[in-house]
Amino acid sequence: MPVHTIIKRKIGRIQASIPFSPIRKRSVVAMHLPDTDIVRIYVKGAPETLMDKCVKTFEVDGSKTHLTEE
């Protein structure tokens, strides 16, 4: 899919964004999902920084469990 098509689909759906910062080592975008009341948060950054902030994970069935070291 061409990148310009992807960008057009996102216009008007972005609720908030925090640009990349070398201090935080991450960027964040909050995007409204079409035809729902759901806002999904996307975080991009260095894995060693992000993993320290993760406490829960989603299982295949949609349930949440505490994230363990393994």
PDB file of N, CA and C in Angstrom:
ATOM      1  N   MET A   1       0.858  -1.173   0.000  1.00  0.00           N
ATOM      2  CA  MET A   1       0.000   0.000   0.000  1.00  0.00           C
ATOM      3  C   MET A   1       0.904   1.236   0.000  1.00  0.00           C
ATOM      4  N   PRO A   2       0.638   2.196  -0.868  1.00  0.00           N
ATOM      5  CA  PRO A   2       1.450   3.412  -0.906  1.00  0.00           C
ATOM      6  C   PRO A   2       1.349   4.199   0.404  1.00  0.00           C
ATOM      7  N   VAL A   3       2.466   4.774   0.812  1.00  0.00           N
ATOM      8  CA  VAL A   3       2.512   5.484   2.086  1.00  0.00           C
ATOM      9  C   VAL A   3       1.542   6.666   2.120  1.00  0.00           C
ATOM     10  N   HIS A   4       1.335   7.351   1.010  1.00  0.00           N
ATOM     11  CA  HIS A   4       0.412   8.500   1.001  1.00  0.00           C
ATOM     12  C   HIS A   4      -1.030   8.058   1.280  1.00  0.00           C
ATOM     13  N   THR A   5      -1.384   6.832   0.899  1.00  0.00           N
ATOM     14  CA  THR A   5      -2.714   6.298   1.197  1.00  0.00           C
ATOM     15  C   THR A   5      -2.863   6.061   2.697  1.00  0.00           C
ATOM     16  N   ILE A   6      -1.823   5.526   3.311  1.00  0.00           N
ATOM     17  CA  ILE A   6      -1.833   5.298   4.758  1.00  0.00           C
ATOM     18  C   ILE A   6      -1.966   6.622   5.503  1.00  0.00           C
ATOM     19  N   ILE A   7      -1.221   7.630   5.087  1.00  0.00           N
ATOM     20  CA  ILE A   7      -1.261   8.941   5.740  1.00  0.00           C
ATOM     21  C   ILE A   7      -2.655   9.558   5.620  1.00  0.00           C
ATOM     22  N   LYS A   8      -3.287   9.467   4.456  1.00  0.00           N
ATOM     23  CA  LYS A   8      -4.632  10.016   4.267  1.00  0.00           C
ATOM     24  C   LYS A   8      -5.636   9.378   5.230  1.00  0.00           C
ATOM     25  N   ARG A   9      -5.485   8.091   5.504  1.00  0.00           N
ATOM     26  CA  ARG A   9      -6.396   7.396   6.414  1.00  0.00           C
ATOM     27  C   ARG A   9      -6.233   7.884   7.857  1.00  0.00           C
ATOM     28  N   LYS A  10      -5.069   8.424   8.186  1.00  0.00           N
ATOM     29  CA  LYS A  10      -4.799   8.865   9.561  1.00  0.00           C
ATOM     30  C   LYS A  10      -5.240  10.309   9.813  1.00  0.00           C
ATOM     31  N   ILE A  11      -5.373  11.115   8.771  1.00  0.00           N
ATOM     32  CA  ILE A  11      -5.709  12.530   8.937  1.00  0.00           C
ATOM     33  C   ILE A  11      -7.042  12.666   9.665  1.00  0.00           C
ATOM     34  N   GLY A  12      -7.063  13.470  10.707  1.00  0.00           N
ATOM     35  CA  GLY A  12      -8.270  13.709  11.479  1.00  0.00           C
ATOM     36  C   GLY A  12      -8.496  12.709  12.593  1.00  0.00           C
ATOM     37  N   ARG A  13      -7.717  11.634  12.628  1.00  0.00           N
ATOM     38  CA  ARG A  13      -7.886  10.617  13.660  1.00  0.00           C
ATOM     39  C   ARG A  13      -6.868  10.745  14.784  1.00  0.00           C
ATOM     40  N   ILE A  14      -5.792  11.497  14.556  1.00  0.00           N
ATOM     41  CA  ILE A  14      -4.766  11.653  15.582  1.00  0.00           C
ATOM     42  C   ILE A  14      -5.288  12.604  16.657  1.00  0.00           C
ATOM     43  N   GLN A  15      -5.378  12.107  17.890  1.00  0.00           N
ATOM     44  CA  GLN A  15      -5.907  12.879  19.008  1.00  0.00           C
ATOM     45  C   GLN A  15      -4.802  13.677  19.714  1.00  0.00           C
ATOM     46  N   ALA A  16      -3.607  13.097  19.811  1.00  0.00           N
ATOM     47  CA  ALA A  16      -2.476  13.757  20.466  1.00  0.00           C
ATOM     48  C   ALA A  16      -1.193  13.075  20.021  1.00  0.00           C
ATOM     49  N   SER A  17      -0.093  13.802  20.125  1.00  0.00           N
ATOM     50  CA  SER A  17       1.192  13.189  19.814  1.00  0.00           C
ATOM     51  C   SER A  17       2.290  13.864  20.622  1.00  0.00           C
ATOM     52  N   ILE A  18       3.287  13.081  20.953  1.00  0.00           N
ATOM     53  CA  ILE A  18       4.487  13.585  21.622  1.00  0.00           C
ATOM     54  C   ILE A  18       5.642  13.189  20.714  1.00  0.00           C
ATOM     55  N   PRO A  19       6.351  14.163  20.142  1.00  0.00           N
ATOM     56  CA  PRO A  19       7.432  13.827  19.217  1.00  0.00           C
ATOM     57  C   PRO A  19       8.598  13.137  19.926  1.00  0.00           C
ATOM     58  N   PHE A  20       9.440  12.490  19.129  1.00  0.00           N
ATOM     59  CA  PHE A  20      10.596  11.794  19.677  1.00  0.00           C
ATOM     60  C   PHE A  20      11.489  12.768  20.428  1.00  0.00           C
ATOM     61  N   SER A  21      12.002  12.305  21.545  1.00  0.00           N
ATOM     62  CA  SER A  21      12.935  13.084  22.344  1.00  0.00           C
ATOM     63  C   SER A  21      14.134  12.211  22.668  1.00  0.00           C
ATOM     64  N   PRO A  22      15.351  12.690  22.449  1.00  0.00           N
ATOM     65  CA  PRO A  22      16.519  11.882  22.792  1.00  0.00           C
ATOM     66  C   PRO A  22      16.646  11.653  24.303  1.00  0.00           C
ATOM     67  N   ILE A  23      16.003  12.481  25.097  1.00  0.00           N
ATOM     68  CA  ILE A  23      16.026  12.293  26.549  1.00  0.00           C
ATOM     69  C   ILE A  23      15.071  11.167  26.940  1.00  0.00           C
ATOM     70  N   ARG A  24      13.831  11.211  26.420  1.00  0.00           N
ATOM     71  CA  ARG A  24      12.839  10.156  26.718  1.00  0.00           C
ATOM     72  C   ARG A  24      13.102   8.892  25.925  1.00  0.00           C
ATOM     73  N   LYS A  25      13.721   9.038  24.768  1.00  0.00           N
ATOM     74  CA  LYS A  25      14.010   7.934  23.846  1.00  0.00           C
ATOM     75  C   LYS A  25      12.746   7.235  23.343  1.00  0.00           C
ATOM     76  N   ARG A  26      11.699   8.030  23.141  1.00  0.00           N
ATOM     77  CA  ARG A  26      10.458   7.469  22.596  1.00  0.00           C
ATOM     78  C   ARG A  26       9.580   8.579  22.028  1.00  0.00           C
ATOM     79  N   SER A  27       8.623   8.175  21.189  1.00  0.00           N
ATOM     80  CA  SER A  27       7.584   9.082  20.704  1.00  0.00           C
ATOM     81  C   SER A  27       6.247   8.376  20.914  1.00  0.00           C
ATOM     82  N   VAL A  28       5.164   9.171  21.002  1.00  0.00           N
ATOM     83  CA  VAL A  28       3.845   8.622  21.304  1.00  0.00           C
ATOM     84  C   VAL A  28       2.803   9.282  20.403  1.00  0.00           C
ATOM     85  N   VAL A  29       1.854   8.471  19.916  1.00  0.00           N
ATOM     86  CA  VAL A  29       0.722   8.986  19.137  1.00  0.00           C
ATOM     87  C   VAL A  29      -0.549   8.330  19.661  1.00  0.00           C
ATOM     88  N   ALA A  30      -1.584   9.130  19.909  1.00  0.00           N
ATOM     89  CA  ALA A  30      -2.905   8.625  20.306  1.00  0.00           C
ATOM     90  C   ALA A  30      -3.819   8.794  19.102  1.00  0.00           C
ATOM     91  N   MET A  31      -4.375   7.678  18.615  1.00  0.00           N
ATOM     92  CA  MET A  31      -5.182   7.716  17.399  1.00  0.00           C
ATOM     93  C   MET A  31      -6.554   7.086  17.634  1.00  0.00           C
ATOM     94  N   HIS A  32      -7.588   7.796  17.197  1.00  0.00           N
ATOM     95  CA  HIS A  32      -8.966   7.319  17.306  1.00  0.00           C
ATOM     96  C   HIS A  32      -9.205   6.252  16.243  1.00  0.00           C
ATOM     97  N   LEU A  33      -9.716   5.105  16.657  1.00  0.00           N
ATOM     98  CA  LEU A  33     -10.018   4.037  15.698  1.00  0.00           C
ATOM     99  C   LEU A  33     -11.355   4.330  15.023  1.00  0.00           C
ATOM    100  N   PRO A  34     -11.431   4.150  13.706  1.00  0.00           N
ATOM    101  CA  PRO A  34     -12.661   4.464  12.981  1.00  0.00           C
ATOM    102  C   PRO A  34     -13.853   3.633  13.455  1.00  0.00           C
ATOM    103  N   ASP A  35     -15.011   4.269  13.487  1.00  0.00           N
ATOM    104  CA  ASP A  35     -16.286   3.610  13.817  1.00  0.00           C
ATOM    105  C   ASP A  35     -16.317   3.003  15.218  1.00  0.00           C
ATOM    106  N   THR A  36     -15.506   3.525  16.147  1.00  0.00           N
ATOM    107  CA  THR A  36     -15.502   3.054  17.537  1.00  0.00           C
ATOM    108  C   THR A  36     -15.291   4.248  18.464  1.00  0.00           C
ATOM    109  N   ASP A  37     -15.382   4.005  19.759  1.00  0.00           N
ATOM    110  CA  ASP A  37     -15.037   5.018  20.756  1.00  0.00           C
ATOM    111  C   ASP A  37     -13.633   4.781  21.309  1.00  0.00           C
ATOM    112  N   ILE A  38     -12.873   3.927  20.651  1.00  0.00           N
ATOM    113  CA  ILE A  38     -11.553   3.525  21.138  1.00  0.00           C
ATOM    114  C   ILE A  38     -10.472   4.462  20.633  1.00  0.00           C
ATOM    115  N   VAL A  39      -9.574   4.849  21.544  1.00  0.00           N
ATOM    116  CA  VAL A  39      -8.368   5.580  21.178  1.00  0.00           C
ATOM    117  C   VAL A  39      -7.195   4.661  21.486  1.00  0.00           C
ATOM    118  N   ARG A  40      -6.409   4.354  20.480  1.00  0.00           N
ATOM    119  CA  ARG A  40      -5.267   3.459  20.646  1.00  0.00           C
ATOM    120  C   ARG A  40      -3.993   4.294  20.756  1.00  0.00           C
ATOM    121  N   ILE A  41      -3.119   3.890  21.673  1.00  0.00           N
ATOM    122  CA  ILE A  41      -1.860   4.592  21.898  1.00  0.00           C
ATOM    123  C   ILE A  41      -0.737   3.789  21.258  1.00  0.00           C
ATOM    124  N   TYR A  42       0.047   4.453  20.406  1.00  0.00           N
ATOM    125  CA  TYR A  42       1.202   3.833  19.768  1.00  0.00           C
ATOM    126  C   TYR A  42       2.460   4.474  20.342  1.00  0.00           C
ATOM    127  N   VAL A  43       3.398   3.641  20.767  1.00  0.00           N
ATOM    128  CA  VAL A  43       4.656   4.123  21.326  1.00  0.00           C
ATOM    129  C   VAL A  43       5.790   3.514  20.518  1.00  0.00           C
ATOM    130  N   LYS A  44       6.732   4.359  20.132  1.00  0.00           N
ATOM    131  CA  LYS A  44       7.884   3.892  19.370  1.00  0.00           C
ATOM    132  C   LYS A  44       9.133   4.374  20.081  1.00  0.00           C
ATOM    133  N   GLY A  45      10.078   3.469  20.299  1.00  0.00           N
ATOM    134  CA  GLY A  45      11.298   3.878  20.958  1.00  0.00           C
ATOM    135  C   GLY A  45      12.239   2.721  21.210  1.00  0.00           C
ATOM    136  N   ALA A  46      13.275   3.016  21.973  1.00  0.00           N
ATOM    137  CA  ALA A  46      14.301   2.023  22.281  1.00  0.00           C
ATOM    138  C   ALA A  46      13.718   0.924  23.168  1.00  0.00           C
ATOM    139  N   PRO A  47      13.833  -0.351  22.769  1.00  0.00           N
ATOM    140  CA  PRO A  47      13.253  -1.445  23.550  1.00  0.00           C
ATOM    141  C   PRO A  47      13.717  -1.475  24.998  1.00  0.00           C
ATOM    142  N   GLU A  48      14.987  -1.206  25.238  1.00  0.00           N
ATOM    143  CA  GLU A  48      15.486  -1.253  26.616  1.00  0.00           C
ATOM    144  C   GLU A  48      14.854  -0.176  27.497  1.00  0.00           C
ATOM    145  N   THR A  49      14.383   0.896  26.904  1.00  0.00           N
ATOM    146  CA  THR A  49      13.699   1.952  27.648  1.00  0.00           C
ATOM    147  C   THR A  49      12.218   1.626  27.822  1.00  0.00           C
ATOM    148  N   LEU A  50      11.575   1.138  26.771  1.00  0.00           N
ATOM    149  CA  LEU A  50      10.139   0.863  26.810  1.00  0.00           C
ATOM    150  C   LEU A  50       9.796  -0.330  27.699  1.00  0.00           C
ATOM    151  N   MET A  51      10.578  -1.367  27.667  1.00  0.00           N
ATOM    152  CA  MET A  51      10.275  -2.569  28.448  1.00  0.00           C
ATOM    153  C   MET A  51      10.244  -2.282  29.944  1.00  0.00           C
ATOM    154  N   ASP A  52      11.062  -1.338  30.408  1.00  0.00           N
ATOM    155  CA  ASP A  52      11.055  -0.969  31.827  1.00  0.00           C
ATOM    156  C   ASP A  52       9.734  -0.339  32.249  1.00  0.00           C
ATOM    157  N   LYS A  53       8.988   0.212  31.300  1.00  0.00           N
ATOM    158  CA  LYS A  53       7.717   0.883  31.599  1.00  0.00           C
ATOM    159  C   LYS A  53       6.510  -0.041  31.461  1.00  0.00           C
ATOM    160  N   CYS A  54       6.707  -1.226  30.893  1.00  0.00           N
ATOM    161  CA  CYS A  54       5.604  -2.167  30.669  1.00  0.00           C
ATOM    162  C   CYS A  54       5.324  -2.985  31.926  1.00  0.00           C
ATOM    163  N   VAL A  55       4.046  -3.079  32.308  1.00  0.00           N
ATOM    164  CA  VAL A  55       3.665  -3.869  33.480  1.00  0.00           C
ATOM    165  C   VAL A  55       2.633  -4.945  33.141  1.00  0.00           C
ATOM    166  N   LYS A  56       1.914  -4.784  32.023  1.00  0.00           N
ATOM    167  CA  LYS A  56       0.898  -5.763  31.629  1.00  0.00           C
ATOM    168  C   LYS A  56       1.030  -6.056  30.139  1.00  0.00           C
ATOM    169  N   THR A  57       0.463  -7.201  29.747  1.00  0.00           N
ATOM    170  CA  THR A  57       0.459  -7.585  28.346  1.00  0.00           C
ATOM    171  C   THR A  57      -0.923  -8.145  27.986  1.00  0.00           C
ATOM    172  N   PHE A  58      -1.286  -8.068  26.728  1.00  0.00           N
ATOM    173  CA  PHE A  58      -2.534  -8.650  26.248  1.00  0.00           C
ATOM    174  C   PHE A  58      -2.269 -10.066  25.762  1.00  0.00           C
ATOM    175  N   GLU A  59      -3.122 -10.987  26.166  1.00  0.00           N
ATOM    176  CA  GLU A  59      -3.047 -12.360  25.699  1.00  0.00           C
ATOM    177  C   GLU A  59      -3.836 -12.478  24.394  1.00  0.00           C
ATOM    178  N   VAL A  60      -3.724 -13.606  23.724  1.00  0.00           N
ATOM    179  CA  VAL A  60      -4.411 -13.839  22.454  1.00  0.00           C
ATOM    180  C   VAL A  60      -5.916 -13.683  22.600  1.00  0.00           C
ATOM    181  N   ASP A  61      -6.478 -14.083  23.755  1.00  0.00           N
ATOM    182  CA  ASP A  61      -7.924 -13.989  23.964  1.00  0.00           C
ATOM    183  C   ASP A  61      -8.396 -12.592  24.381  1.00  0.00           C
ATOM    184  N   GLY A  62      -7.457 -11.636  24.473  1.00  0.00           N
ATOM    185  CA  GLY A  62      -7.810 -10.256  24.828  1.00  0.00           C
ATOM    186  C   GLY A  62      -7.687  -9.936  26.301  1.00  0.00           C
ATOM    187  N   SER A  63      -7.430 -10.962  27.133  1.00  0.00           N
ATOM    188  CA  SER A  63      -7.273 -10.708  28.567  1.00  0.00           C
ATOM    189  C   SER A  63      -5.904 -10.073  28.847  1.00  0.00           C
ATOM    190  N   LYS A  64      -5.818  -9.391  29.977  1.00  0.00           N
ATOM    191  CA  LYS A  64      -4.560  -8.757  30.389  1.00  0.00           C
ATOM    192  C   LYS A  64      -3.917  -9.571  31.498  1.00  0.00           C
ATOM    193  N   THR A  65      -2.602  -9.722  31.421  1.00  0.00           N
ATOM    194  CA  THR A  65      -1.854 -10.380  32.480  1.00  0.00           C
ATOM    195  C   THR A  65      -0.626  -9.547  32.816  1.00  0.00           C
ATOM    196  N   HIS A  66      -0.105  -9.741  34.020  1.00  0.00           N
ATOM    197  CA  HIS A  66       1.107  -9.025  34.415  1.00  0.00           C
ATOM    198  C   HIS A  66       2.288  -9.533  33.609  1.00  0.00           C
ATOM    199  N   LEU A  67       3.101  -8.617  33.155  1.00  0.00           N
ATOM    200  CA  LEU A  67       4.291  -8.954  32.382  1.00  0.00           C
ATOM    201  C   LEU A  67       5.371  -9.464  33.338  1.00  0.00           C
ATOM    202  N   THR A  68       5.946 -10.608  33.006  1.00  0.00           N
ATOM    203  CA  THR A  68       6.999 -11.192  33.839  1.00  0.00           C
ATOM    204  C   THR A  68       8.351 -11.035  33.152  1.00  0.00           C
ATOM    205  N   GLU A  69       9.408 -11.354  33.873  1.00  0.00           N
ATOM    206  CA  GLU A  69      10.744 -11.269  33.315  1.00  0.00           C
ATOM    207  C   GLU A  69      10.949 -12.179  32.104  1.00  0.00           C
ATOM    208  N   GLU A  70      10.284 -13.323  32.114  1.00  0.00           N
ATOM    209  CA  GLU A  70      10.445 -14.260  30.996  1.00  0.00           C
ATOM    210  C   GLU A  70       9.709 -13.792  29.774  1.00  0.00           C
TER     211      GLU A  70
END
